Amino acid sequence: MNDNGVIRYDIRPDHGGWTVYNIATGEPSLVRGIRQVVMLLDEANDLADALNAMERKEPGSSVTWADGSR
């Protein structure tokens, strides 16, 4: 959770593991253009924490596009 009490990313179960998703859009997060789905629970938690930390430090820094660009 960031300083203003809002988180941008969370995790949810999927049919093959866990998905890290953007709370605002409901879409899986993208890292270098790859959807973050079918992950182990610990990996998904760590990634959601890392993406939220990036957002706390510099809003918008965790966002990547389908082509992997920022």
N, C-alpha and C. Protein backbone atom coordinates (compact mmCIF):
# COMPACT_ATOMS: atom_id res chain seq x y z
N MET A 1 0.86 -1.17 0.00
CA MET A 1 0.00 0.00 0.00
C MET A 1 0.90 1.23 0.00
N ASN A 2 0.56 2.23 -0.80
CA ASN A 2 1.42 3.40 -0.83
C ASN A 2 0.99 4.42 0.23
N ASP A 3 1.71 5.52 0.30
CA ASP A 3 1.52 6.48 1.38
C ASP A 3 0.11 7.05 1.46
N ASN A 4 -0.59 7.18 0.34
CA ASN A 4 -1.94 7.74 0.40
C ASN A 4 -3.00 6.66 0.56
N GLY A 5 -2.61 5.43 0.86
CA GLY A 5 -3.55 4.37 1.14
C GLY A 5 -4.11 3.67 -0.09
N VAL A 6 -3.60 3.98 -1.26
CA VAL A 6 -4.09 3.38 -2.49
C VAL A 6 -3.03 2.43 -3.04
N ILE A 7 -3.46 1.26 -3.48
CA ILE A 7 -2.54 0.36 -4.17
C ILE A 7 -2.97 0.26 -5.63
N ARG A 8 -2.01 0.10 -6.50
CA ARG A 8 -2.32 0.01 -7.93
C ARG A 8 -2.38 -1.44 -8.38
N TYR A 9 -1.61 -2.32 -7.74
CA TYR A 9 -1.53 -3.72 -8.14
C TYR A 9 -1.90 -4.64 -6.99
N ASP A 10 -2.54 -5.74 -7.34
CA ASP A 10 -2.87 -6.77 -6.38
C ASP A 10 -2.77 -8.11 -7.10
N ILE A 11 -3.03 -9.19 -6.37
CA ILE A 11 -2.98 -10.51 -6.99
C ILE A 11 -4.34 -11.18 -6.85
N ARG A 12 -4.59 -12.12 -7.76
CA ARG A 12 -5.81 -12.93 -7.69
C ARG A 12 -5.49 -14.31 -8.26
N PRO A 13 -6.22 -15.31 -7.79
CA PRO A 13 -5.99 -16.65 -8.34
C PRO A 13 -6.47 -16.73 -9.78
N ASP A 14 -5.77 -17.52 -10.57
CA ASP A 14 -6.25 -17.82 -11.92
C ASP A 14 -6.25 -19.34 -12.06
N HIS A 15 -6.60 -19.83 -13.19
CA HIS A 15 -6.76 -21.28 -13.37
C HIS A 15 -5.44 -22.04 -13.36
N GLY A 16 -4.31 -21.36 -13.39
CA GLY A 16 -3.04 -22.06 -13.37
C GLY A 16 -2.09 -21.57 -12.30
N GLY A 17 -2.52 -20.66 -11.45
CA GLY A 17 -1.66 -20.09 -10.41
C GLY A 17 -2.23 -18.76 -9.96
N TRP A 18 -1.41 -17.70 -10.06
CA TRP A 18 -1.81 -16.36 -9.60
C TRP A 18 -1.49 -15.33 -10.67
N THR A 19 -2.31 -14.29 -10.72
CA THR A 19 -2.14 -13.18 -11.65
C THR A 19 -1.90 -11.90 -10.87
N VAL A 20 -0.93 -11.10 -11.31
CA VAL A 20 -0.74 -9.75 -10.79
C VAL A 20 -1.53 -8.84 -11.73
N TYR A 21 -2.44 -8.05 -11.18
CA TYR A 21 -3.30 -7.23 -12.03
C TYR A 21 -3.37 -5.79 -11.55
N ASN A 22 -3.73 -4.92 -12.48
CA ASN A 22 -3.93 -3.50 -12.21
C ASN A 22 -5.34 -3.34 -11.65
N ILE A 23 -5.46 -2.84 -10.46
CA ILE A 23 -6.76 -2.71 -9.81
C ILE A 23 -7.70 -1.79 -10.59
N ALA A 24 -7.16 -0.74 -11.17
CA ALA A 24 -8.01 0.23 -11.88
C ALA A 24 -8.62 -0.36 -13.14
N THR A 25 -7.86 -1.20 -13.86
CA THR A 25 -8.34 -1.73 -15.13
C THR A 25 -8.83 -3.16 -15.05
N GLY A 26 -8.38 -3.89 -14.03
CA GLY A 26 -8.71 -5.31 -13.92
C GLY A 26 -7.86 -6.18 -14.83
N GLU A 27 -6.99 -5.56 -15.62
CA GLU A 27 -6.15 -6.29 -16.57
C GLU A 27 -4.86 -6.79 -15.90
N PRO A 28 -4.34 -7.93 -16.36
CA PRO A 28 -3.05 -8.39 -15.84
C PRO A 28 -1.98 -7.33 -16.10
N SER A 29 -1.05 -7.21 -15.16
CA SER A 29 0.05 -6.27 -15.34
C SER A 29 0.97 -6.77 -16.45
N LEU A 30 1.66 -5.84 -17.06
CA LEU A 30 2.63 -6.15 -18.10
C LEU A 30 4.02 -5.78 -17.58
N VAL A 31 4.95 -6.69 -17.77
CA VAL A 31 6.36 -6.42 -17.48
C VAL A 31 7.11 -6.78 -18.75
N ARG A 32 7.71 -5.74 -19.36
CA ARG A 32 8.40 -5.90 -20.65
C ARG A 32 7.48 -6.54 -21.68
N GLY A 33 6.21 -6.14 -21.63
CA GLY A 33 5.24 -6.60 -22.61
C GLY A 33 4.66 -7.98 -22.35
N ILE A 34 5.01 -8.60 -21.23
CA ILE A 34 4.53 -9.94 -20.92
C ILE A 34 3.51 -9.87 -19.79
N ARG A 35 2.33 -10.45 -20.05
CA ARG A 35 1.28 -10.50 -19.03
C ARG A 35 1.74 -11.35 -17.85
N GLN A 36 1.54 -10.86 -16.65
CA GLN A 36 2.01 -11.54 -15.45
C GLN A 36 0.90 -12.44 -14.91
N VAL A 37 0.79 -13.62 -15.51
CA VAL A 37 -0.24 -14.60 -15.18
C VAL A 37 0.41 -15.95 -14.90
N VAL A 38 -0.35 -16.86 -14.30
CA VAL A 38 0.08 -18.23 -13.99
C VAL A 38 1.41 -18.22 -13.23
N MET A 39 1.44 -17.45 -12.16
CA MET A 39 2.63 -17.31 -11.33
C MET A 39 2.46 -18.09 -10.04
N LEU A 40 3.58 -18.43 -9.40
CA LEU A 40 3.53 -18.98 -8.06
C LEU A 40 3.11 -17.88 -7.10
N LEU A 41 2.47 -18.24 -6.00
CA LEU A 41 1.96 -17.26 -5.04
C LEU A 41 3.05 -16.32 -4.54
N ASP A 42 4.19 -16.84 -4.12
CA ASP A 42 5.27 -16.00 -3.60
C ASP A 42 5.79 -15.04 -4.65
N GLU A 43 5.93 -15.51 -5.88
CA GLU A 43 6.41 -14.66 -6.97
C GLU A 43 5.41 -13.54 -7.26
N ALA A 44 4.12 -13.86 -7.28
CA ALA A 44 3.09 -12.86 -7.54
C ALA A 44 3.06 -11.81 -6.44
N ASN A 45 3.14 -12.24 -5.19
CA ASN A 45 3.18 -11.28 -4.07
C ASN A 45 4.39 -10.36 -4.18
N ASP A 46 5.55 -10.93 -4.46
CA ASP A 46 6.78 -10.13 -4.57
C ASP A 46 6.67 -9.13 -5.70
N LEU A 47 6.14 -9.56 -6.85
CA LEU A 47 6.03 -8.65 -7.99
C LEU A 47 5.03 -7.53 -7.70
N ALA A 48 3.88 -7.86 -7.11
CA ALA A 48 2.90 -6.81 -6.77
C ALA A 48 3.52 -5.80 -5.81
N ASP A 49 4.26 -6.29 -4.83
CA ASP A 49 4.94 -5.40 -3.88
C ASP A 49 5.93 -4.49 -4.61
N ALA A 50 6.71 -5.07 -5.53
CA ALA A 50 7.72 -4.30 -6.27
C ALA A 50 7.06 -3.24 -7.16
N LEU A 51 6.00 -3.61 -7.86
CA LEU A 51 5.31 -2.65 -8.73
C LEU A 51 4.69 -1.52 -7.91
N ASN A 52 4.10 -1.86 -6.77
CA ASN A 52 3.53 -0.82 -5.91
C ASN A 52 4.61 0.09 -5.34
N ALA A 53 5.78 -0.48 -5.01
CA ALA A 53 6.90 0.34 -4.52
C ALA A 53 7.37 1.30 -5.61
N MET A 54 7.41 0.83 -6.86
CA MET A 54 7.78 1.70 -7.97
C MET A 54 6.80 2.86 -8.07
N GLU A 55 5.53 2.58 -7.92
CA GLU A 55 4.50 3.62 -8.00
C GLU A 55 4.63 4.63 -6.87
N ARG A 56 5.00 4.16 -5.68
CA ARG A 56 5.20 5.08 -4.55
C ARG A 56 6.35 6.03 -4.86
N LYS A 57 7.42 5.48 -5.43
CA LYS A 57 8.61 6.28 -5.70
C LYS A 57 8.39 7.24 -6.86
N GLU A 58 7.80 6.74 -7.94
CA GLU A 58 7.59 7.56 -9.14
C GLU A 58 6.30 7.10 -9.83
N PRO A 59 5.19 7.79 -9.59
CA PRO A 59 3.92 7.38 -10.20
C PRO A 59 4.04 7.21 -11.71
N GLY A 60 3.48 6.11 -12.19
CA GLY A 60 3.54 5.79 -13.61
C GLY A 60 4.74 4.99 -14.03
N SER A 61 5.71 4.81 -13.13
CA SER A 61 6.95 4.13 -13.50
C SER A 61 6.77 2.63 -13.69
N SER A 62 5.70 2.06 -13.16
CA SER A 62 5.50 0.62 -13.28
C SER A 62 4.75 0.25 -14.56
N VAL A 63 4.25 1.23 -15.27
CA VAL A 63 3.42 0.97 -16.44
C VAL A 63 4.29 0.66 -17.65
N THR A 64 4.01 -0.48 -18.29
CA THR A 64 4.63 -0.80 -19.57
C THR A 64 3.53 -1.10 -20.57
N TRP A 65 3.85 -0.98 -21.82
CA TRP A 65 2.86 -1.20 -22.89
C TRP A 65 3.07 -2.57 -23.50
N ALA A 66 2.16 -2.99 -24.32
CA ALA A 66 2.23 -4.31 -24.94
C ALA A 66 3.53 -4.52 -25.70
N ASP A 67 4.13 -3.45 -26.24
CA ASP A 67 5.39 -3.59 -26.96
C ASP A 67 6.61 -3.53 -26.05
N GLY A 68 6.36 -3.42 -24.72
CA GLY A 68 7.45 -3.40 -23.75
C GLY A 68 8.01 -2.02 -23.46
N SER A 69 7.51 -0.99 -24.13
CA SER A 69 8.00 0.37 -23.89
C SER A 69 7.31 0.97 -22.69
N ARG A 70 7.86 2.05 -22.21
CA ARG A 70 7.25 2.77 -21.09
C ARG A 70 6.46 3.92 -21.62
